[in-house]
């Protein structure tokens, strides 16, 4: 069989260059010894999973700590899954969380193009070479043919796939091949596997350690009927010519590792190191399962942006999942930038990383509490500009006023910072009572309306905006005493049955009338921020609603 002629007939791309030209076009990178070249290679589906951030952070840390390169490659070989604007989503999502690429799709770089569909010429050159060597062949099987094969394998409890006796087109004669081509039958190009499933090797996985890998015997498709490569074939060629040294990817790719090992071998390329990280899981009732983009909103990176989690808080939490010793480092150096932590691939978990939204919330509260009022203002404003309602956007019109609100709500200047804010959405909702357009109280008092009315009217009559905190509180006590409420907490605790309540209950009534809430930061300060007119108007409104 004339394999050179067959290669030209099966892959009729006149643009392909001699293979050595591609080696010259994409030379070895000039990097220091030990520098790692890593990548993120998502499909442009428009959905960014939290697992993408997990893998991106691992690859970015490894590359940059070693003085290497971290790049973005778009694996767009599946046209059906492609979503318009998906690459922008990838860039926007990862940029928000501080993940920086050195080169890649829509960026600069000498190893592009970084979209696989734009690299068809290179794949064709190597497909032709494998055909010339007798290591690849055309397959004319229809989907119906393949389905029958799958049914037969299932019925007989055999290994699924296209191999051995099930590889119908593996040994077609030259005459049969050209007859099929002449008849216009569609075809794919398959690898002629040289492997034996009875042979096993020990493989060093950078995350899992030594694992056993069975040789590949599958004649996998390397070029689809439209001439576009499959992921298996494209990634091997791209990782070689982009000079990738280390691939960190999800453990779902472990089953494909034998195929990839064989592809690198038949292509004559040096195999990069591989590390297969465990999936991100969650506790669901009494079971543990993978985070699902269909079931779990927190599986999507958009969720964290829409809720307004601070990117540094999310990065910090992800590092607790990525390296087992990160939390110990963080306790020792709570104020250091997390990029100073020496990330180690060897300390990635070998079992599934357990996602805990409550732990993320705790980390987020701690991080948010350390911000200044102006930093918090800028962060909340950025969230509101993108995700807030028109009423919430209006909060930021008076920066001085809002910063006073934030100083109070964050406990800035006090003995201890408050940790009430988890994320921007929740924080903006928490401060809504400071603004008339979003002040919608329910007035849930614990006392009879008549008693509350007497208290509110009594306080309104003596309220003076000029009073300092101590004078203000003396007036609250006076109103309490006039209405039979205990002003001495010791006396109240000794004989609670002698009073309808105490001064704290009176303060709660005033708090609910002013803010609509039973629990808030310091009420005197709230009234100072609201101002005289707004405070009196709210007291009057509360009285009218009794």
Protein backbone atom coordinates (compact mmCIF):
# COMPACT_ATOMS: atom_id res chain seq x y z
CA UNK A 1 0.00 0.00 0.00
CA UNK A 2 1.33 3.42 -0.95
CA UNK A 3 0.99 5.18 2.40
CA UNK A 4 2.31 8.52 1.12
CA UNK A 5 -0.41 8.62 -1.52
CA UNK A 6 -3.00 7.52 1.06
CA UNK A 7 -1.97 10.27 3.48
CA UNK A 8 -2.44 12.92 0.79
CA UNK A 9 -5.84 11.45 -0.17
CA UNK A 10 -7.13 11.27 3.39
CA UNK A 11 -5.77 14.63 4.61
CA UNK A 12 -5.73 16.87 1.53
CA UNK A 13 -4.26 19.95 3.20
CA UNK A 14 -1.75 21.65 0.92
CA UNK A 15 -0.73 24.15 3.61
CA UNK A 16 1.07 21.66 5.81
CA UNK A 17 4.79 22.19 6.29
CA UNK A 18 7.57 19.66 6.86
CA UNK A 19 7.46 18.64 10.51
CA UNK A 20 10.84 20.18 11.29
CA UNK A 21 9.40 23.58 10.34
CA UNK A 22 6.98 23.42 13.27
CA UNK A 23 9.84 22.58 15.62
CA UNK A 24 11.62 25.74 14.42
CA UNK A 25 8.43 27.80 14.64
CA UNK A 26 7.85 26.76 18.26
CA UNK A 27 11.31 26.26 19.81
CA UNK A 28 12.06 25.24 23.35
CA UNK A 29 11.38 28.13 25.73
CA UNK A 30 14.36 30.00 27.13
CA UNK A 31 13.62 29.50 30.82
CA UNK A 32 15.69 28.88 33.92
CA UNK A 33 16.18 25.30 35.06
CA UNK A 34 13.18 24.11 37.05
CA UNK A 35 10.80 26.65 35.56
CA UNK A 36 7.43 25.09 34.78
CA UNK A 37 5.16 25.82 31.83
CA UNK A 38 1.55 25.19 32.78
CA UNK A 39 -1.80 25.95 31.20
CA UNK A 40 -5.51 26.23 31.61
CA UNK A 41 -7.35 24.75 28.63
CA UNK A 42 -11.12 25.12 28.98
CA UNK A 43 -13.77 24.60 26.33
CA UNK A 44 -15.68 27.79 25.37
CA UNK A 45 -19.03 26.68 26.78
CA UNK A 46 -19.79 29.91 28.67
CA UNK A 47 -19.79 28.15 32.04
CA UNK A 48 -16.90 28.47 34.47
CA UNK A 49 -16.94 25.87 37.24
CA UNK A 50 -15.35 26.46 40.65
CA UNK A 51 -13.13 23.54 39.63
CA UNK A 52 -11.72 25.70 36.83
CA UNK A 53 -10.56 28.21 39.43
CA UNK A 54 -9.16 25.38 41.56
CA UNK A 55 -7.05 24.08 38.66
CA UNK A 56 -6.16 27.58 37.44
CA UNK A 57 -4.79 28.62 40.83
CA UNK A 58 -2.71 25.45 41.10
CA UNK A 59 -1.22 25.91 37.64
CA UNK A 60 -0.69 29.65 38.07
CA UNK A 61 1.09 29.24 41.44
CA UNK A 62 3.34 26.45 40.14
CA UNK A 63 4.33 28.40 37.02
CA UNK A 64 4.96 31.75 38.67
CA UNK A 65 6.71 30.44 41.78
CA UNK A 66 9.14 28.54 39.56
CA UNK A 67 9.77 31.48 37.22
CA UNK A 68 7.86 29.79 34.42
CA UNK A 69 4.90 30.56 32.17
CA UNK A 70 1.15 30.14 32.64
CA UNK A 71 -0.95 30.34 29.48
CA UNK A 72 -4.57 30.05 28.36
CA UNK A 73 -5.52 27.72 25.51
CA UNK A 74 -9.08 27.46 24.21
CA UNK A 75 -10.03 23.92 23.25
CA UNK A 76 -12.77 24.70 20.75
CA UNK A 77 -12.71 21.52 18.67
CA UNK A 78 -16.34 20.79 19.58
CA UNK A 79 -18.22 23.40 17.56
CA UNK A 80 -21.60 22.29 18.96
CA UNK A 81 -20.65 23.27 22.51
CA UNK A 82 -19.19 26.64 21.60
CA UNK A 83 -20.97 29.66 23.10
CA UNK A 84 -20.55 33.20 21.78
CA UNK A 85 -18.65 35.38 24.25
CA UNK A 86 -17.43 32.38 26.25
CA UNK A 87 -13.77 33.39 26.08
CA UNK A 88 -14.66 36.80 27.49
CA UNK A 89 -16.43 35.00 30.36
CA UNK A 90 -13.27 32.97 31.02
CA UNK A 91 -11.04 36.06 31.07
CA UNK A 92 -13.48 38.11 33.15
CA UNK A 93 -14.11 35.37 35.69
CA UNK A 94 -10.47 34.51 36.29
CA UNK A 95 -9.31 38.14 36.24
CA UNK A 96 -11.84 38.89 39.00
CA UNK A 97 -10.18 36.25 41.19
CA UNK A 98 -6.68 37.52 40.46
CA UNK A 99 -5.57 34.71 38.15
CA UNK A 100 -3.04 36.17 35.71
CA UNK A 101 -2.02 34.58 32.42
CA UNK A 102 1.32 35.35 30.83
CA UNK A 103 0.10 34.54 27.32
CA UNK A 104 -2.71 32.81 25.52
CA UNK A 105 -6.06 33.32 23.83
CA UNK A 106 -6.79 37.01 23.16
CA UNK A 107 -3.44 37.86 24.74
CA UNK A 108 0.10 38.14 23.38
CA UNK A 109 2.38 35.15 22.96
CA UNK A 110 4.75 33.54 20.45
CA UNK A 111 3.35 30.01 20.76
CA UNK A 112 -0.09 30.66 19.32
CA UNK A 113 -2.58 30.68 17.91
CA UNK A 114 -4.11 29.59 21.20
CA UNK A 115 -7.43 28.50 19.71
CA UNK A 116 -7.29 24.90 18.55
CA UNK A 117 -9.47 25.47 15.49
CA UNK A 118 -6.85 27.92 14.24
CA UNK A 119 -4.14 25.24 14.48
CA UNK A 120 -5.71 22.72 12.07
CA UNK A 121 -2.72 22.82 9.74
CA UNK A 122 -0.39 21.44 12.44
CA UNK A 123 -2.77 18.61 13.35
CA UNK A 124 -3.14 17.70 9.69
CA UNK A 125 0.63 17.56 9.25
CA UNK A 126 0.98 15.05 12.06
CA UNK A 127 -2.08 13.03 11.06
CA UNK A 128 -0.53 12.65 7.60
CA UNK A 129 2.75 11.57 9.20
CA UNK A 130 1.05 8.88 11.28
CA UNK A 131 -0.75 7.59 8.18
CA UNK A 132 2.56 7.46 6.29
CA UNK A 133 4.03 5.39 9.13
CA UNK A 134 1.06 3.03 9.19
CA UNK A 135 0.10 4.29 12.66
CA UNK A 136 -3.24 5.77 11.60
CA UNK A 137 -5.98 4.74 9.17
CA UNK A 138 -9.39 5.81 7.85
CA UNK A 139 -12.56 4.50 9.47
CA UNK A 140 -15.82 4.52 7.50
CA UNK A 141 -18.03 3.07 10.24
CA UNK A 142 -21.39 4.79 10.62
CA UNK A 143 -22.97 5.69 13.95
CA UNK A 144 -25.30 2.75 13.42
CA UNK A 145 -22.29 0.43 13.01
CA UNK A 146 -20.74 1.73 16.22
CA UNK A 147 -24.00 1.39 18.14
CA UNK A 148 -24.28 -2.27 17.12
CA UNK A 149 -20.74 -2.82 18.33
CA UNK A 150 -21.55 -1.19 21.68
CA UNK A 151 -24.64 -3.38 22.09
CA UNK A 152 -22.65 -6.52 21.36
CA UNK A 153 -19.95 -5.55 23.84
CA UNK A 154 -22.55 -4.77 26.52
CA UNK A 155 -24.38 -8.05 25.97
CA UNK A 156 -21.15 -10.01 26.28
CA UNK A 157 -19.78 -7.90 29.14
CA UNK A 158 -16.74 -6.91 27.11
CA UNK A 159 -14.57 -3.82 27.32
CA UNK A 160 -16.28 -1.06 25.32
CA UNK A 161 -14.52 0.69 22.47
CA UNK A 162 -13.00 0.32 19.04
CA UNK A 163 -10.24 -2.28 19.23
CA UNK A 164 -9.20 -5.75 18.12
CA UNK A 165 -12.00 -7.68 16.42
CA UNK A 166 -14.31 -4.67 16.81
CA UNK A 167 -12.02 -2.42 14.77
CA UNK A 168 -13.75 -3.20 11.48
CA UNK A 169 -11.79 -0.73 9.36
CA UNK A 170 -8.35 -1.40 10.85
CA UNK A 171 -7.31 -3.84 8.12
CA UNK A 172 -9.12 -2.51 5.07
CA UNK A 173 -7.24 -3.14 1.85
CA UNK A 174 -6.02 -0.30 -0.31
CA UNK A 175 -8.73 -1.15 -2.83
CA UNK A 176 -11.48 -1.06 -0.18
CA UNK A 177 -10.29 2.29 1.13
CA UNK A 178 -10.30 3.95 -2.29
CA UNK A 179 -13.68 2.43 -3.16
CA UNK A 180 -15.14 4.01 -0.03
CA UNK A 181 -13.50 7.33 -0.84
CA UNK A 182 -14.81 7.20 -4.42
CA UNK A 183 -18.31 6.47 -3.08
CA UNK A 184 -18.08 9.64 -0.98
CA UNK A 185 -18.41 7.87 2.33
CA UNK A 186 -17.55 10.10 5.31
CA UNK A 187 -14.62 8.94 7.41
CA UNK A 188 -12.57 9.69 10.48
CA UNK A 189 -8.88 9.04 11.06
CA UNK A 190 -8.09 6.59 13.86
CA UNK A 191 -4.89 5.81 15.71
CA UNK A 192 -3.64 2.29 15.01
CA UNK A 193 -2.92 1.46 18.63
CA UNK A 194 0.22 -0.54 19.42
CA UNK A 195 -0.79 -1.21 23.03
CA UNK A 196 -1.73 -4.35 24.91
CA UNK A 197 -4.22 -4.16 27.82
CA UNK A 198 -2.45 -7.07 29.47
CA UNK A 199 0.62 -4.89 29.96
CA UNK A 200 0.68 -2.54 32.94
CA UNK A 201 3.16 0.17 33.90
CA UNK A 202 3.88 2.20 37.02
CA UNK A 203 3.30 5.88 36.35
CA UNK A 204 4.37 8.78 38.55
CA UNK A 205 1.39 11.10 38.99
CA UNK A 206 2.46 14.44 40.45
CA UNK A 207 -0.58 14.56 42.75
CA UNK A 208 -1.48 10.95 43.44
CA UNK A 209 2.03 9.50 43.49
CA UNK A 210 2.72 6.12 41.87
CA UNK A 211 -0.27 4.68 40.05
CA UNK A 212 -0.71 1.68 37.76
CA UNK A 213 -1.54 2.43 34.13
CA UNK A 214 -2.71 -0.18 31.63
CA UNK A 215 -1.51 0.19 28.06
CA UNK A 216 -3.98 1.62 25.57
CA UNK A 217 -5.46 -0.70 22.96
CA UNK A 218 -8.18 1.64 21.69
CA UNK A 219 -8.03 2.85 18.09
CA UNK A 220 -9.25 6.28 19.11
CA UNK A 221 -10.32 8.92 16.62
CA UNK A 222 -7.65 11.55 16.09
CA UNK A 223 -9.30 13.51 13.24
CA UNK A 224 -13.05 13.87 12.94
CA UNK A 225 -14.89 13.76 9.62
CA UNK A 226 -14.63 17.57 9.26
CA UNK A 227 -10.83 17.43 9.64
CA UNK A 228 -10.94 18.88 13.16
CA UNK A 229 -8.94 16.90 15.72
CA UNK A 230 -10.32 15.27 18.83
CA UNK A 231 -9.21 16.55 22.22
CA UNK A 232 -6.82 13.62 22.66
CA UNK A 233 -4.85 14.33 19.48
CA UNK A 234 -4.94 18.13 19.67
CA UNK A 235 -3.83 18.39 23.28
CA UNK A 236 -0.78 16.17 22.70
CA UNK A 237 0.40 18.29 19.77
CA UNK A 238 -0.40 21.59 21.47
CA UNK A 239 1.25 20.69 24.76
CA UNK A 240 4.36 19.74 22.82
CA UNK A 241 4.56 22.88 20.70
CA UNK A 242 3.53 25.23 23.49
CA UNK A 243 6.28 23.49 25.45
CA UNK A 244 4.09 22.53 28.39
CA UNK A 245 6.09 20.82 31.12
CA UNK A 246 3.35 20.07 33.64
CA UNK A 247 -0.38 19.37 33.22
CA UNK A 248 -2.57 19.66 36.30
CA UNK A 249 -6.07 18.50 35.45
CA UNK A 250 -9.13 16.81 36.92
CA UNK A 251 -9.05 13.15 37.85
CA UNK A 252 -11.80 12.46 35.30
CA UNK A 253 -8.95 12.44 32.75
CA UNK A 254 -7.16 9.55 34.45
CA UNK A 255 -9.02 7.04 32.26
CA UNK A 256 -7.62 8.83 29.18
CA UNK A 257 -4.03 8.78 30.42
CA UNK A 258 -3.11 5.53 28.57
CA UNK A 259 -4.32 7.10 25.29
CA UNK A 260 -2.30 10.24 25.92
CA UNK A 261 0.84 8.33 26.83
CA UNK A 262 0.60 6.37 23.57
CA UNK A 263 -0.10 9.46 21.48
CA UNK A 264 3.00 11.25 22.78
CA UNK A 265 5.00 8.10 22.05
CA UNK A 266 3.84 7.63 18.45
CA UNK A 267 4.19 11.37 17.76
CA UNK A 268 7.77 11.27 19.02
CA UNK A 269 7.18 13.91 21.70
CA UNK A 270 8.48 14.05 25.25
CA UNK A 271 5.62 13.38 27.68
CA UNK A 272 4.96 16.25 30.12
CA UNK A 273 4.42 15.55 33.79
CA UNK A 274 0.80 14.93 34.74
CA UNK A 275 -0.98 15.55 38.02
CA UNK A 276 -4.63 14.56 38.42
CA UNK A 277 -6.34 16.55 41.16
CA UNK A 278 -9.40 15.22 42.94
CA UNK A 279 -12.83 16.64 42.26
CA UNK A 280 -14.44 19.26 44.48
CA UNK A 281 -17.16 17.63 46.54
CA UNK A 282 -19.85 18.61 49.03
CA UNK A 283 -21.84 16.94 51.77
CA UNK A 284 -25.41 16.34 50.62
CA UNK A 285 -27.41 14.92 53.51
CA UNK A 286 -25.44 11.88 54.61
CA UNK A 287 -23.62 11.42 51.31
CA UNK A 288 -20.60 13.04 49.72
CA UNK A 289 -20.82 13.91 46.03
CA UNK A 290 -19.21 16.07 43.35
CA UNK A 291 -20.33 19.65 43.03
CA UNK A 292 -22.83 19.71 40.18
CA UNK A 293 -23.45 22.65 37.87
CA UNK A 294 -27.06 21.49 37.56
CA UNK A 295 -27.77 21.09 41.27
CA UNK A 296 -25.43 23.51 43.04
CA UNK A 297 -25.39 27.27 42.33
CA UNK A 298 -22.04 27.49 44.14
CA UNK A 299 -20.50 25.31 41.41
CA UNK A 300 -20.46 28.33 39.07
CA UNK A 301 -17.86 31.08 39.35
CA UNK A 302 -20.59 33.55 38.40
CA UNK A 303 -22.28 32.76 41.71
CA UNK A 304 -19.41 34.31 43.69
CA UNK A 305 -19.39 37.44 41.55
CA UNK A 306 -23.16 37.81 41.70
CA UNK A 307 -23.16 37.37 45.48
CA UNK A 308 -20.20 39.71 45.74
CA UNK A 309 -17.67 37.55 47.53
CA UNK A 310 -14.41 39.42 47.73
CA UNK A 311 -12.00 37.77 45.26
CA UNK A 312 -9.20 37.61 47.83
CA UNK A 313 -11.48 35.78 50.26
CA UNK A 314 -12.35 33.21 47.60
CA UNK A 315 -8.69 32.82 46.62
CA UNK A 316 -7.78 32.33 50.27
CA UNK A 317 -10.45 29.69 50.72
CA UNK A 318 -9.41 27.88 47.55
CA UNK A 319 -5.85 27.72 48.84
CA UNK A 320 -7.11 25.89 51.93
CA UNK A 321 -8.48 23.25 49.55
CA UNK A 322 -5.36 23.17 47.39
CA UNK A 323 -2.63 22.73 50.00
CA UNK A 324 -2.98 20.98 53.34
CA UNK A 325 -0.50 23.24 55.12
CA UNK A 326 -1.90 26.57 53.91
CA UNK A 327 -4.14 27.17 56.95
CA UNK A 328 -1.20 26.70 59.31
CA UNK A 329 0.76 29.26 57.27
CA UNK A 330 -2.19 31.67 57.26
CA UNK A 331 -2.51 31.52 61.07
CA UNK A 332 1.18 32.30 61.36
CA UNK A 333 1.14 35.10 58.76
CA UNK A 334 -2.44 36.46 58.67
CA UNK A 335 -1.46 39.76 57.07
CA UNK A 336 0.91 38.50 54.39
CA UNK A 337 -0.24 38.35 50.73
CA UNK A 338 -1.21 34.76 50.00
CA UNK A 339 1.05 34.70 46.95
CA UNK A 340 3.97 34.55 49.40
CA UNK A 341 2.81 31.09 50.48
CA UNK A 342 5.06 28.44 48.93
CA UNK A 343 2.59 26.29 47.05
CA UNK A 344 3.48 22.61 46.68
CA UNK A 345 1.89 20.19 44.25
CA UNK A 346 2.90 17.38 46.60
CA UNK A 347 0.56 18.71 49.27
CA UNK A 348 -2.55 18.63 47.10
CA UNK A 349 -5.17 16.31 48.53
CA UNK A 350 -5.26 12.79 47.18
CA UNK A 351 -8.95 12.43 48.01
CA UNK A 352 -11.78 14.78 47.04
CA UNK A 353 -11.55 18.37 48.26
CA UNK A 354 -14.62 19.07 50.40
CA UNK A 355 -16.29 22.39 49.62
CA UNK A 356 -17.77 24.08 52.70
CA UNK A 357 -19.70 27.31 52.08
CA UNK A 358 -19.76 28.03 55.84
CA UNK A 359 -15.98 27.96 55.99
CA UNK A 360 -15.80 30.25 52.97
CA UNK A 361 -18.21 32.61 54.74
CA UNK A 362 -16.01 32.67 57.86
CA UNK A 363 -12.92 33.45 55.80
CA UNK A 364 -14.86 36.09 53.90
CA UNK A 365 -16.10 37.75 57.10
CA UNK A 366 -12.56 37.92 58.44
CA UNK A 367 -11.19 39.37 55.21
CA UNK A 368 -13.99 41.92 54.84
CA UNK A 369 -13.53 43.07 58.45
CA UNK A 370 -9.95 44.11 57.69
CA UNK A 371 -10.89 46.55 54.94
CA UNK A 372 -10.99 50.30 55.56
CA UNK A 373 -14.28 52.11 55.03
CA UNK A 374 -13.05 53.53 51.69
CA UNK A 375 -11.89 50.10 50.50
CA UNK A 376 -15.25 48.67 51.48
CA UNK A 377 -17.04 51.56 49.77
CA UNK A 378 -15.15 50.91 46.52
CA UNK A 379 -15.77 47.16 46.69
CA UNK A 380 -19.49 47.48 47.38
CA UNK A 381 -19.87 50.15 44.72
CA UNK A 382 -18.17 47.92 42.15
CA UNK A 383 -20.63 45.14 42.96
CA UNK A 384 -23.66 47.45 42.93
CA UNK A 385 -22.68 48.99 39.58
CA UNK A 386 -22.80 45.52 38.01
CA UNK A 387 -25.41 43.63 40.01
CA UNK A 388 -27.28 46.07 42.26
CA UNK A 389 -30.76 47.55 41.85
CA UNK A 390 -31.21 51.21 40.95
CA UNK A 391 -32.07 51.90 44.60
CA UNK A 392 -28.86 50.21 45.77
CA UNK A 393 -26.74 52.09 43.24
CA UNK A 394 -28.14 55.32 44.70
CA UNK A 395 -26.54 54.47 48.08
CA UNK A 396 -23.19 55.51 46.65
CA UNK A 397 -24.18 59.03 45.62
CA UNK A 398 -23.07 60.46 48.98
CA UNK A 399 -19.73 58.87 49.76
CA UNK A 400 -19.26 60.71 53.06
CA UNK A 401 -22.63 59.49 54.37
CA UNK A 402 -22.07 55.89 53.30
CA UNK A 403 -18.57 55.82 54.77
CA UNK A 404 -20.06 56.85 58.14
CA UNK A 405 -22.46 53.93 57.83
CA UNK A 406 -19.59 51.56 57.05
CA UNK A 407 -17.44 52.80 59.92
CA UNK A 408 -20.29 51.98 62.30
CA UNK A 409 -21.29 48.65 60.74
CA UNK A 410 -17.69 47.43 60.57
CA UNK A 411 -16.79 48.60 64.07
CA UNK A 412 -13.92 50.74 62.77
CA UNK A 413 -12.35 52.69 65.61
CA UNK A 414 -13.84 50.42 68.24
CA UNK A 415 -12.10 47.86 70.42
CA UNK A 416 -12.89 45.06 68.00
CA UNK A 417 -13.90 44.99 64.36
CA UNK A 418 -17.34 43.58 63.60
CA UNK A 419 -17.54 40.59 61.28
CA UNK A 420 -21.08 41.03 59.99
CA UNK A 421 -20.37 41.35 56.26
CA UNK A 422 -19.99 38.09 54.31
CA UNK A 423 -20.31 39.38 50.76
CA UNK A 424 -21.34 42.53 48.91
CA UNK A 425 -24.94 41.50 48.26
CA UNK A 426 -25.55 40.70 51.90
CA UNK A 427 -23.71 43.84 53.08
CA UNK A 428 -25.70 46.15 50.80
CA UNK A 429 -28.92 44.54 52.01
CA UNK A 430 -27.82 44.94 55.65
CA UNK A 431 -27.36 48.71 55.34
CA UNK A 432 -30.62 49.27 53.47
CA UNK A 433 -32.32 50.79 56.52
CA UNK A 434 -30.02 53.81 56.32
CA UNK A 435 -31.77 54.87 53.10
CA UNK A 436 -35.39 55.98 52.92
CA UNK A 437 -36.09 54.35 49.56
CA UNK A 438 -35.26 50.91 50.95
CA UNK A 439 -36.38 51.42 54.55
CA UNK A 440 -39.31 49.00 54.77
CA UNK A 441 -39.79 48.08 58.44
CA UNK A 442 -42.09 45.37 59.69
CA UNK A 443 -42.21 46.74 63.28
CA UNK A 444 -42.14 43.39 65.07
CA UNK A 445 -42.36 44.51 68.70
CA UNK A 446 -42.50 42.14 71.68
CA UNK A 447 -44.87 44.36 73.64
CA UNK A 448 -48.45 45.59 73.26
CA UNK A 449 -48.96 48.42 70.82
CA UNK A 450 -50.22 50.84 73.50
CA UNK A 451 -47.08 50.36 75.58
CA UNK A 452 -44.83 50.82 72.56
CA UNK A 453 -46.74 53.95 71.52
CA UNK A 454 -46.25 55.55 74.95
CA UNK A 455 -42.53 54.83 74.81
CA UNK A 456 -42.07 56.21 71.30
CA UNK A 457 -44.10 59.33 71.97
CA UNK A 458 -42.26 59.95 75.22
CA UNK A 459 -38.83 59.63 73.63
CA UNK A 460 -39.81 61.70 70.58
CA UNK A 461 -40.82 64.55 72.88
CA UNK A 462 -37.40 64.70 74.58
CA UNK A 463 -35.11 63.68 71.69
CA UNK A 464 -32.38 66.19 70.87
CA UNK A 465 -29.87 65.52 68.08
CA UNK A 466 -27.26 67.55 69.98
CA UNK A 467 -27.24 65.13 72.92
CA UNK A 468 -24.09 63.11 73.36
CA UNK A 469 -24.33 59.36 73.95
CA UNK A 470 -24.55 59.59 77.77
CA UNK A 471 -27.24 62.30 77.80
CA UNK A 472 -29.16 60.40 75.11
CA UNK A 473 -29.13 57.23 77.20
CA UNK A 474 -30.25 59.07 80.33
CA UNK A 475 -33.31 60.19 78.37
CA UNK A 476 -33.98 56.60 77.27
CA UNK A 477 -33.82 55.55 80.94
CA UNK A 478 -36.11 58.38 81.97
CA UNK A 479 -38.74 57.37 79.39
CA UNK A 480 -38.40 53.78 80.54
CA UNK A 481 -38.93 54.73 84.18
CA UNK A 482 -41.94 56.93 83.40
CA UNK A 483 -43.60 53.89 81.79
CA UNK A 484 -42.86 51.49 84.63
CA UNK A 485 -39.88 49.75 82.99
CA UNK A 486 -36.86 48.94 85.15
CA UNK A 487 -33.92 51.30 84.72
CA UNK A 488 -31.68 49.32 87.08
CA UNK A 489 -30.78 45.92 85.63
CA UNK A 490 -29.83 44.50 89.04
CA UNK A 491 -33.27 45.39 90.42
CA UNK A 492 -34.90 43.90 87.36
CA UNK A 493 -33.00 40.64 87.60
CA UNK A 494 -33.85 40.38 91.29
CA UNK A 495 -37.58 40.92 90.77
CA UNK A 496 -38.52 40.76 87.05
CA UNK A 497 -42.18 40.20 87.90
CA UNK A 498 -42.40 43.77 89.26
CA UNK A 499 -41.82 45.32 85.81
CA UNK A 500 -43.25 44.96 82.29
CA UNK A 501 -39.65 45.02 81.05
CA UNK A 502 -36.38 46.89 81.38
CA UNK A 503 -34.45 49.69 79.74
CA UNK A 504 -32.99 47.28 77.16
CA UNK A 505 -36.52 46.47 76.02
CA UNK A 506 -37.22 50.18 75.65
CA UNK A 507 -34.05 50.61 73.59
CA UNK A 508 -35.20 47.71 71.39
CA UNK A 509 -38.53 49.46 70.72
CA UNK A 510 -36.66 52.60 69.67
CA UNK A 511 -34.31 50.50 67.54
CA UNK A 512 -37.16 48.76 65.72
CA UNK A 513 -38.96 52.07 65.18
CA UNK A 514 -35.81 53.68 63.76
CA UNK A 515 -34.29 50.82 61.76
CA UNK A 516 -36.98 48.15 61.50
CA UNK A 517 -34.58 45.69 63.16
CA UNK A 518 -34.24 44.31 66.68
CA UNK A 519 -30.44 43.99 66.42
CA UNK A 520 -28.14 46.65 64.99
CA UNK A 521 -24.91 48.41 65.86
CA UNK A 522 -25.02 51.30 68.37
CA UNK A 523 -28.41 53.04 68.18
CA UNK A 524 -27.20 56.49 69.24
CA UNK A 525 -24.65 56.46 66.40
CA UNK A 526 -27.33 55.30 63.96
CA UNK A 527 -29.49 58.28 64.91
CA UNK A 528 -26.49 60.57 64.52
CA UNK A 529 -25.88 59.25 61.01
CA UNK A 530 -29.57 59.43 60.06
CA UNK A 531 -29.77 63.00 61.32
CA UNK A 532 -32.44 64.83 63.29
CA UNK A 533 -35.14 65.13 60.65
CA UNK A 534 -34.93 61.53 59.42
CA UNK A 535 -34.85 60.15 62.96
CA UNK A 536 -37.91 62.13 64.04
CA UNK A 537 -39.73 61.22 60.82
CA UNK A 538 -39.10 57.53 61.46
CA UNK A 539 -40.32 57.75 65.04
CA UNK A 540 -43.48 59.49 63.82
CA UNK A 541 -44.02 56.88 61.10
CA UNK A 542 -43.65 54.09 63.66
CA UNK A 543 -46.19 55.78 65.96
CA UNK A 544 -48.64 56.12 63.08
CA UNK A 545 -48.35 52.40 62.36
CA UNK A 546 -49.34 51.38 65.90
